[in-house]
């Protein structure tokens, strides 16, 4: 099973994250299949960069986003695109 989740980078109290597609059995910061985007909550305003095409590809192939990633997808409008693409299939 593939999950779309955050992979933590940065130092203590200065985190930033990659949004990655990874096997559910792999460690949080372990091996991943593909980088989907970036998330940096320490910047002002918060930096969210997501490759829409890669995200939709993984979602349409059955990958499950974590709760945090789902919230980021909702903020950027990817969930709405996913629902529309799923209806069109």
PDB file of N, CA and C in Angstrom:
ATOM      1  N   UNK A   1       0.844  -1.181   0.000  1.00  0.00           N
ATOM      2  CA  UNK A   1       0.000   0.000   0.000  1.00  0.00           C
ATOM      3  C   UNK A   1       0.890   1.245   0.000  1.00  0.00           C
ATOM      4  N   UNK A   2       0.554   2.197  -0.840  1.00  0.00           N
ATOM      5  CA  UNK A   2       1.324   3.436  -0.957  1.00  0.00           C
ATOM      6  C   UNK A   2       0.626   4.542  -0.171  1.00  0.00           C
ATOM      7  N   UNK A   3       1.421   5.296   0.586  1.00  0.00           N
ATOM      8  CA  UNK A   3       0.916   6.453   1.320  1.00  0.00           C
ATOM      9  C   UNK A   3       1.618   7.697   0.813  1.00  0.00           C
ATOM     10  N   UNK A   4       0.897   8.807   0.816  1.00  0.00           N
ATOM     11  CA  UNK A   4       1.509  10.108   0.535  1.00  0.00           C
ATOM     12  C   UNK A   4       1.653  10.769   1.892  1.00  0.00           C
ATOM     13  N   UNK A   5       2.894  11.022   2.301  1.00  0.00           N
ATOM     14  CA  UNK A   5       3.140  11.514   3.647  1.00  0.00           C
ATOM     15  C   UNK A   5       4.297  12.501   3.682  1.00  0.00           C
ATOM     16  N   UNK A   6       4.517  13.073   4.877  1.00  0.00           N
ATOM     17  CA  UNK A   6       5.591  14.034   5.068  1.00  0.00           C
ATOM     18  C   UNK A   6       6.871  13.316   5.470  1.00  0.00           C
ATOM     19  N   UNK A   7       7.994  13.801   4.940  1.00  0.00           N
ATOM     20  CA  UNK A   7       9.315  13.306   5.307  1.00  0.00           C
ATOM     21  C   UNK A   7      10.064  14.486   5.914  1.00  0.00           C
ATOM     22  N   UNK A   8      10.465  14.375   7.184  1.00  0.00           N
ATOM     23  CA  UNK A   8      11.012  15.514   7.926  1.00  0.00           C
ATOM     24  C   UNK A   8      12.485  15.747   7.623  1.00  0.00           C
ATOM     25  N   UNK A   9      12.822  17.035   7.432  1.00  0.00           N
ATOM     26  CA  UNK A   9      14.197  17.483   7.280  1.00  0.00           C
ATOM     27  C   UNK A   9      14.387  18.703   8.171  1.00  0.00           C
ATOM     28  N   UNK A  10      15.597  19.205   8.260  1.00  0.00           N
ATOM     29  CA  UNK A  10      15.854  20.401   9.051  1.00  0.00           C
ATOM     30  C   UNK A  10      16.442  20.054  10.404  1.00  0.00           C
ATOM     31  N   UNK A  11      16.688  21.109  11.184  1.00  0.00           N
ATOM     32  CA  UNK A  11      17.298  20.915  12.494  1.00  0.00           C
ATOM     33  C   UNK A  11      16.228  20.997  13.578  1.00  0.00           C
ATOM     34  N   UNK A  12      16.679  20.890  14.818  1.00  0.00           N
ATOM     35  CA  UNK A  12      15.770  20.974  15.947  1.00  0.00           C
ATOM     36  C   UNK A  12      15.044  22.319  15.935  1.00  0.00           C
ATOM     37  N   UNK A  13      13.742  22.277  16.041  1.00  0.00           N
ATOM     38  CA  UNK A  13      12.869  23.455  16.052  1.00  0.00           C
ATOM     39  C   UNK A  13      12.881  24.260  14.751  1.00  0.00           C
ATOM     40  N   UNK A  14      13.464  23.738  13.671  1.00  0.00           N
ATOM     41  CA  UNK A  14      13.459  24.394  12.356  1.00  0.00           C
ATOM     42  C   UNK A  14      13.128  23.362  11.275  1.00  0.00           C
ATOM     43  N   UNK A  15      11.974  22.691  11.389  1.00  0.00           N
ATOM     44  CA  UNK A  15      11.684  21.615  10.438  1.00  0.00           C
ATOM     45  C   UNK A  15      11.164  22.143   9.101  1.00  0.00           C
ATOM     46  N   UNK A  16      11.433  21.375   8.059  1.00  0.00           N
ATOM     47  CA  UNK A  16      10.717  21.517   6.801  1.00  0.00           C
ATOM     48  C   UNK A  16      10.511  20.110   6.280  1.00  0.00           C
ATOM     49  N   UNK A  17       9.581  19.942   5.376  1.00  0.00           N
ATOM     50  CA  UNK A  17       9.155  18.608   4.977  1.00  0.00           C
ATOM     51  C   UNK A  17       9.108  18.457   3.472  1.00  0.00           C
ATOM     52  N   UNK A  18       9.396  17.246   3.009  1.00  0.00           N
ATOM     53  CA  UNK A  18       9.089  16.845   1.644  1.00  0.00           C
ATOM     54  C   UNK A  18       7.782  16.071   1.707  1.00  0.00           C
ATOM     55  N   UNK A  19       6.964  16.245   0.705  1.00  0.00           N
ATOM     56  CA  UNK A  19       5.763  15.423   0.573  1.00  0.00           C
ATOM     57  C   UNK A  19       6.146  14.311  -0.405  1.00  0.00           C
ATOM     58  N   UNK A  20       6.091  13.067   0.070  1.00  0.00           N
ATOM     59  CA  UNK A  20       6.571  11.950  -0.738  1.00  0.00           C
ATOM     60  C   UNK A  20       5.525  10.846  -0.826  1.00  0.00           C
ATOM     61  N   UNK A  21       5.621  10.076  -1.890  1.00  0.00           N
ATOM     62  CA  UNK A  21       4.850   8.838  -2.017  1.00  0.00           C
ATOM     63  C   UNK A  21       5.786   7.721  -1.577  1.00  0.00           C
ATOM     64  N   UNK A  22       5.372   6.940  -0.576  1.00  0.00           N
ATOM     65  CA  UNK A  22       6.220   5.888  -0.028  1.00  0.00           C
ATOM     66  C   UNK A  22       5.381   4.676   0.343  1.00  0.00           C
ATOM     67  N   UNK A  23       6.021   3.527   0.376  1.00  0.00           N
ATOM     68  CA  UNK A  23       5.365   2.315   0.852  1.00  0.00           C
ATOM     69  C   UNK A  23       4.997   2.508   2.319  1.00  0.00           C
ATOM     70  N   UNK A  24       3.862   2.021   2.723  1.00  0.00           N
ATOM     71  CA  UNK A  24       3.383   2.195   4.095  1.00  0.00           C
ATOM     72  C   UNK A  24       4.291   1.502   5.108  1.00  0.00           C
ATOM     73  N   UNK A  25       5.021   0.471   4.686  1.00  0.00           N
ATOM     74  CA  UNK A  25       5.870  -0.269   5.611  1.00  0.00           C
ATOM     75  C   UNK A  25       7.229   0.388   5.837  1.00  0.00           C
ATOM     76  N   UNK A  26       7.598   1.375   5.039  1.00  0.00           N
ATOM     77  CA  UNK A  26       8.898   2.040   5.173  1.00  0.00           C
ATOM     78  C   UNK A  26       8.863   3.053   6.309  1.00  0.00           C
ATOM     79  N   UNK A  27      10.048   3.393   6.833  1.00  0.00           N
ATOM     80  CA  UNK A  27      10.157   4.363   7.909  1.00  0.00           C
ATOM     81  C   UNK A  27       9.765   5.751   7.434  1.00  0.00           C
ATOM     82  N   UNK A  28       9.457   6.643   8.380  1.00  0.00           N
ATOM     83  CA  UNK A  28       9.023   8.001   8.047  1.00  0.00           C
ATOM     84  C   UNK A  28      10.035   8.717   7.154  1.00  0.00           C
ATOM     85  N   UNK A  29      11.309   8.634   7.506  1.00  0.00           N
ATOM     86  CA  UNK A  29      12.339   9.323   6.733  1.00  0.00           C
ATOM     87  C   UNK A  29      13.126   8.351   5.865  1.00  0.00           C
ATOM     88  N   UNK A  30      12.557   7.197   5.587  1.00  0.00           N
ATOM     89  CA  UNK A  30      13.254   6.167   4.826  1.00  0.00           C
ATOM     90  C   UNK A  30      13.035   6.290   3.329  1.00  0.00           C
ATOM     91  N   UNK A  31      13.144   5.160   2.675  1.00  0.00           N
ATOM     92  CA  UNK A  31      13.046   5.097   1.217  1.00  0.00           C
ATOM     93  C   UNK A  31      11.659   5.519   0.744  1.00  0.00           C
ATOM     94  N   UNK A  32      11.626   6.256  -0.357  1.00  0.00           N
ATOM     95  CA  UNK A  32      10.363   6.714  -0.920  1.00  0.00           C
ATOM     96  C   UNK A  32      10.337   6.410  -2.406  1.00  0.00           C
ATOM     97  N   UNK A  33       9.167   6.503  -3.006  1.00  0.00           N
ATOM     98  CA  UNK A  33       9.008   6.219  -4.425  1.00  0.00           C
ATOM     99  C   UNK A  33       9.186   7.472  -5.278  1.00  0.00           C
ATOM    100  N   UNK A  34       8.605   8.605  -4.817  1.00  0.00           N
ATOM    101  CA  UNK A  34       8.692   9.842  -5.593  1.00  0.00           C
ATOM    102  C   UNK A  34       8.417  11.042  -4.695  1.00  0.00           C
ATOM    103  N   UNK A  35       9.126  12.138  -4.990  1.00  0.00           N
ATOM    104  CA  UNK A  35       8.878  13.396  -4.282  1.00  0.00           C
ATOM    105  C   UNK A  35       7.710  14.099  -4.975  1.00  0.00           C
ATOM    106  N   UNK A  36       6.696  14.442  -4.194  1.00  0.00           N
ATOM    107  CA  UNK A  36       5.497  15.081  -4.740  1.00  0.00           C
ATOM    108  C   UNK A  36       5.530  16.600  -4.508  1.00  0.00           C
ATOM    109  N   UNK A  37       6.158  17.043  -3.403  1.00  0.00           N
ATOM    110  CA  UNK A  37       6.193  18.479  -3.135  1.00  0.00           C
ATOM    111  C   UNK A  37       6.987  18.823  -1.889  1.00  0.00           C
ATOM    112  N   UNK A  38       6.871  20.095  -1.485  1.00  0.00           N
ATOM    113  CA  UNK A  38       7.557  20.619  -0.308  1.00  0.00           C
ATOM    114  C   UNK A  38       6.574  21.341   0.588  1.00  0.00           C
ATOM    115  N   UNK A  39       6.863  21.337   1.898  1.00  0.00           N
ATOM    116  CA  UNK A  39       6.054  22.056   2.872  1.00  0.00           C
ATOM    117  C   UNK A  39       6.991  22.620   3.925  1.00  0.00           C
ATOM    118  N   UNK A  40       6.983  23.950   4.090  1.00  0.00           N
ATOM    119  CA  UNK A  40       7.835  24.603   5.082  1.00  0.00           C
ATOM    120  C   UNK A  40       6.984  25.503   5.962  1.00  0.00           C
ATOM    121  N   UNK A  41       6.598  25.007   7.156  1.00  0.00           N
ATOM    122  CA  UNK A  41       5.744  25.800   8.050  1.00  0.00           C
ATOM    123  C   UNK A  41       6.487  26.934   8.756  1.00  0.00           C
ATOM    124  N   UNK A  42       7.833  26.964   8.679  1.00  0.00           N
ATOM    125  CA  UNK A  42       8.599  27.999   9.384  1.00  0.00           C
ATOM    126  C   UNK A  42       8.658  29.305   8.610  1.00  0.00           C
ATOM    127  N   UNK A  43       8.373  29.277   7.324  1.00  0.00           N
ATOM    128  CA  UNK A  43       8.394  30.494   6.505  1.00  0.00           C
ATOM    129  C   UNK A  43       7.132  31.312   6.773  1.00  0.00           C
ATOM    130  N   UNK A  44       7.201  32.597   6.461  1.00  0.00           N
ATOM    131  CA  UNK A  44       6.029  33.465   6.600  1.00  0.00           C
ATOM    132  C   UNK A  44       5.772  34.136   5.267  1.00  0.00           C
ATOM    133  N   UNK A  45       4.734  33.859   4.521  1.00  0.00           N
ATOM    134  CA  UNK A  45       3.687  32.857   4.784  1.00  0.00           C
ATOM    135  C   UNK A  45       4.203  31.430   4.565  1.00  0.00           C
ATOM    136  N   UNK A  46       3.461  30.472   5.057  1.00  0.00           N
ATOM    137  CA  UNK A  46       3.844  29.065   4.957  1.00  0.00           C
ATOM    138  C   UNK A  46       4.047  28.666   3.496  1.00  0.00           C
ATOM    139  N   UNK A  47       5.159  27.982   3.219  1.00  0.00           N
ATOM    140  CA  UNK A  47       5.491  27.557   1.866  1.00  0.00           C
ATOM    141  C   UNK A  47       4.877  26.183   1.601  1.00  0.00           C
ATOM    142  N   UNK A  48       4.035  26.112   0.576  1.00  0.00           N
ATOM    143  CA  UNK A  48       3.470  24.829   0.140  1.00  0.00           C
ATOM    144  C   UNK A  48       3.663  24.761  -1.369  1.00  0.00           C
ATOM    145  N   UNK A  49       4.535  23.857  -1.823  1.00  0.00           N
ATOM    146  CA  UNK A  49       4.762  23.641  -3.254  1.00  0.00           C
ATOM    147  C   UNK A  49       4.462  22.185  -3.556  1.00  0.00           C
ATOM    148  N   UNK A  50       3.436  21.952  -4.358  1.00  0.00           N
ATOM    149  CA  UNK A  50       3.046  20.575  -4.689  1.00  0.00           C
ATOM    150  C   UNK A  50       2.930  20.454  -6.205  1.00  0.00           C
ATOM    151  N   UNK A  51       3.537  19.413  -6.757  1.00  0.00           N
ATOM    152  CA  UNK A  51       3.404  19.106  -8.178  1.00  0.00           C
ATOM    153  C   UNK A  51       2.041  18.439  -8.370  1.00  0.00           C
ATOM    154  N   UNK A  52       1.109  19.182  -8.911  1.00  0.00           N
ATOM    155  CA  UNK A  52      -0.270  18.721  -9.041  1.00  0.00           C
ATOM    156  C   UNK A  52      -0.376  17.434  -9.858  1.00  0.00           C
ATOM    157  N   UNK A  53       0.377  17.358 -10.960  1.00  0.00           N
ATOM    158  CA  UNK A  53       0.293  16.171 -11.820  1.00  0.00           C
ATOM    159  C   UNK A  53       0.745  14.910 -11.092  1.00  0.00           C
ATOM    160  N   UNK A  54       1.853  15.007 -10.341  1.00  0.00           N
ATOM    161  CA  UNK A  54       2.343  13.840  -9.593  1.00  0.00           C
ATOM    162  C   UNK A  54       1.367  13.451  -8.492  1.00  0.00           C
ATOM    163  N   UNK A  55       0.827  14.446  -7.793  1.00  0.00           N
ATOM    164  CA  UNK A  55      -0.112  14.162  -6.709  1.00  0.00           C
ATOM    165  C   UNK A  55      -1.358  13.467  -7.248  1.00  0.00           C
ATOM    166  N   UNK A  56      -1.918  13.991  -8.327  1.00  0.00           N
ATOM    167  CA  UNK A  56      -3.113  13.376  -8.914  1.00  0.00           C
ATOM    168  C   UNK A  56      -2.822  11.969  -9.428  1.00  0.00           C
ATOM    169  N   UNK A  57      -1.640  11.770 -10.022  1.00  0.00           N
ATOM    170  CA  UNK A  57      -1.262  10.444 -10.515  1.00  0.00           C
ATOM    171  C   UNK A  57      -1.284   9.431  -9.380  1.00  0.00           C
ATOM    172  N   UNK A  58      -0.672   9.780  -8.246  1.00  0.00           N
ATOM    173  CA  UNK A  58      -0.630   8.850  -7.116  1.00  0.00           C
ATOM    174  C   UNK A  58      -2.012   8.641  -6.511  1.00  0.00           C
ATOM    175  N   UNK A  59      -2.796   9.705  -6.380  1.00  0.00           N
ATOM    176  CA  UNK A  59      -4.142   9.565  -5.818  1.00  0.00           C
ATOM    177  C   UNK A  59      -5.022   8.679  -6.700  1.00  0.00           C
ATOM    178  N   UNK A  60      -4.937   8.874  -8.017  1.00  0.00           N
ATOM    179  CA  UNK A  60      -5.744   8.072  -8.935  1.00  0.00           C
ATOM    180  C   UNK A  60      -5.294   6.610  -8.966  1.00  0.00           C
ATOM    181  N   UNK A  61      -4.025   6.357  -8.604  1.00  0.00           N
ATOM    182  CA  UNK A  61      -3.517   4.987  -8.546  1.00  0.00           C
ATOM    183  C   UNK A  61      -3.764   4.333  -7.190  1.00  0.00           C
ATOM    184  N   UNK A  62      -4.452   5.029  -6.277  1.00  0.00           N
ATOM    185  CA  UNK A  62      -4.855   4.409  -5.026  1.00  0.00           C
ATOM    186  C   UNK A  62      -4.024   4.758  -3.815  1.00  0.00           C
ATOM    187  N   UNK A  63      -3.097   5.701  -3.917  1.00  0.00           N
ATOM    188  CA  UNK A  63      -2.291   6.087  -2.757  1.00  0.00           C
ATOM    189  C   UNK A  63      -3.172   6.818  -1.739  1.00  0.00           C
ATOM    190  N   UNK A  64      -2.920   6.564  -0.461  1.00  0.00           N
ATOM    191  CA  UNK A  64      -3.704   7.176   0.609  1.00  0.00           C
ATOM    192  C   UNK A  64      -2.905   8.288   1.273  1.00  0.00           C
ATOM    193  N   UNK A  65      -3.387   9.531   1.233  1.00  0.00           N
ATOM    194  CA  UNK A  65      -2.671  10.608   1.926  1.00  0.00           C
ATOM    195  C   UNK A  65      -2.911  10.553   3.431  1.00  0.00           C
ATOM    196  N   UNK A  66      -1.908  10.973   4.201  1.00  0.00           N
ATOM    197  CA  UNK A  66      -2.093  11.079   5.650  1.00  0.00           C
ATOM    198  C   UNK A  66      -3.001  12.279   5.921  1.00  0.00           C
ATOM    199  N   UNK A  67      -3.440  12.433   7.152  1.00  0.00           N
ATOM    200  CA  UNK A  67      -4.348  13.528   7.497  1.00  0.00           C
ATOM    201  C   UNK A  67      -3.730  14.893   7.197  1.00  0.00           C
ATOM    202  N   UNK A  68      -2.471  15.082   7.551  1.00  0.00           N
ATOM    203  CA  UNK A  68      -1.799  16.365   7.320  1.00  0.00           C
ATOM    204  C   UNK A  68      -1.681  16.651   5.827  1.00  0.00           C
ATOM    205  N   UNK A  69      -1.294  15.653   5.060  1.00  0.00           N
ATOM    206  CA  UNK A  69      -1.154  15.838   3.613  1.00  0.00           C
ATOM    207  C   UNK A  69      -2.515  16.100   2.983  1.00  0.00           C
ATOM    208  N   UNK A  70      -3.549  15.438   3.475  1.00  0.00           N
ATOM    209  CA  UNK A  70      -4.900  15.680   2.958  1.00  0.00           C
ATOM    210  C   UNK A  70      -5.306  17.142   3.185  1.00  0.00           C
ATOM    211  N   UNK A  71      -4.966  17.683   4.371  1.00  0.00           N
ATOM    212  CA  UNK A  71      -5.253  19.090   4.648  1.00  0.00           C
ATOM    213  C   UNK A  71      -4.483  20.006   3.700  1.00  0.00           C
ATOM    214  N   UNK A  72      -3.225  19.692   3.415  1.00  0.00           N
ATOM    215  CA  UNK A  72      -2.439  20.495   2.480  1.00  0.00           C
ATOM    216  C   UNK A  72      -3.036  20.419   1.074  1.00  0.00           C
ATOM    217  N   UNK A  73      -3.470  19.217   0.678  1.00  0.00           N
ATOM    218  CA  UNK A  73      -4.101  19.057  -0.638  1.00  0.00           C
ATOM    219  C   UNK A  73      -5.391  19.870  -0.724  1.00  0.00           C
ATOM    220  N   UNK A  74      -6.143  19.933   0.358  1.00  0.00           N
ATOM    221  CA  UNK A  74      -7.375  20.715   0.372  1.00  0.00           C
ATOM    222  C   UNK A  74      -7.063  22.201   0.230  1.00  0.00           C
ATOM    223  N   UNK A  75      -6.047  22.686   0.947  1.00  0.00           N
ATOM    224  CA  UNK A  75      -5.657  24.105   0.865  1.00  0.00           C
ATOM    225  C   UNK A  75      -5.234  24.501  -0.538  1.00  0.00           C
ATOM    226  N   UNK A  76      -4.557  23.590  -1.253  1.00  0.00           N
ATOM    227  CA  UNK A  76      -4.065  23.907  -2.585  1.00  0.00           C
ATOM    228  C   UNK A  76      -5.044  23.547  -3.696  1.00  0.00           C
ATOM    229  N   UNK A  77      -6.172  22.902  -3.364  1.00  0.00           N
ATOM    230  CA  UNK A  77      -7.195  22.594  -4.354  1.00  0.00           C
ATOM    231  C   UNK A  77      -7.012  21.262  -5.061  1.00  0.00           C
ATOM    232  N   UNK A  78      -6.064  20.460  -4.624  1.00  0.00           N
ATOM    233  CA  UNK A  78      -5.816  19.180  -5.285  1.00  0.00           C
ATOM    234  C   UNK A  78      -6.925  18.181  -4.988  1.00  0.00           C
ATOM    235  N   UNK A  79      -7.500  18.204  -3.781  1.00  0.00           N
ATOM    236  CA  UNK A  79      -8.612  17.297  -3.461  1.00  0.00           C
ATOM    237  C   UNK A  79      -9.783  17.524  -4.398  1.00  0.00           C
ATOM    238  N   UNK A  80     -10.089  18.788  -4.678  1.00  0.00           N
ATOM    239  CA  UNK A  80     -11.196  19.108  -5.576  1.00  0.00           C
ATOM    240  C   UNK A  80     -10.921  18.564  -6.980  1.00  0.00           C
ATOM    241  N   UNK A  81      -9.695  18.742  -7.456  1.00  0.00           N
ATOM    242  CA  UNK A  81      -9.325  18.215  -8.772  1.00  0.00           C
ATOM    243  C   UNK A  81      -9.404  16.692  -8.795  1.00  0.00           C
ATOM    244  N   UNK A  82      -9.007  16.064  -7.685  1.00  0.00           N
ATOM    245  CA  UNK A  82      -9.053  14.605  -7.598  1.00  0.00           C
ATOM    246  C   UNK A  82     -10.483  14.098  -7.688  1.00  0.00           C
ATOM    247  N   UNK A  83     -11.397  14.733  -6.968  1.00  0.00           N
ATOM    248  CA  UNK A  83     -12.804  14.326  -6.999  1.00  0.00           C
ATOM    249  C   UNK A  83     -13.369  14.483  -8.411  1.00  0.00           C
ATOM    250  N   UNK A  84     -13.039  15.596  -9.080  1.00  0.00           N
ATOM    251  CA  UNK A  84     -13.522  15.817 -10.447  1.00  0.00           C
ATOM    252  C   UNK A  84     -12.942  14.791 -11.405  1.00  0.00           C
ATOM    253  N   UNK A  85     -11.658  14.475 -11.268  1.00  0.00           N
ATOM    254  CA  UNK A  85     -11.016  13.498 -12.138  1.00  0.00           C
ATOM    255  C   UNK A  85     -11.587  12.106 -11.901  1.00  0.00           C
ATOM    256  N   UNK A  86     -11.919  11.801 -10.658  1.00  0.00           N
ATOM    257  CA  UNK A  86     -12.484  10.491 -10.337  1.00  0.00           C
ATOM    258  C   UNK A  86     -13.883  10.333 -10.928  1.00  0.00           C
ATOM    259  N   UNK A  87     -14.668  11.442 -10.911  1.00  0.00           N
ATOM    260  CA  UNK A  87     -16.007  11.410 -11.504  1.00  0.00           C
ATOM    261  C   UNK A  87     -15.921  11.233 -13.012  1.00  0.00           C
ATOM    262  N   UNK A  88     -14.920  11.850 -13.635  1.00  0.00           N
ATOM    263  CA  UNK A  88     -14.781  11.806 -15.095  1.00  0.00           C
ATOM    264  C   UNK A  88     -14.372  10.421 -15.586  1.00  0.00           C
ATOM    265  N   UNK A  89     -13.773   9.613 -14.709  1.00  0.00           N
ATOM    266  CA  UNK A  89     -13.323   8.266 -15.125  1.00  0.00           C
ATOM    267  C   UNK A  89     -14.448   7.367 -15.478  1.00  0.00           C
TER     268      UNK A  89
END
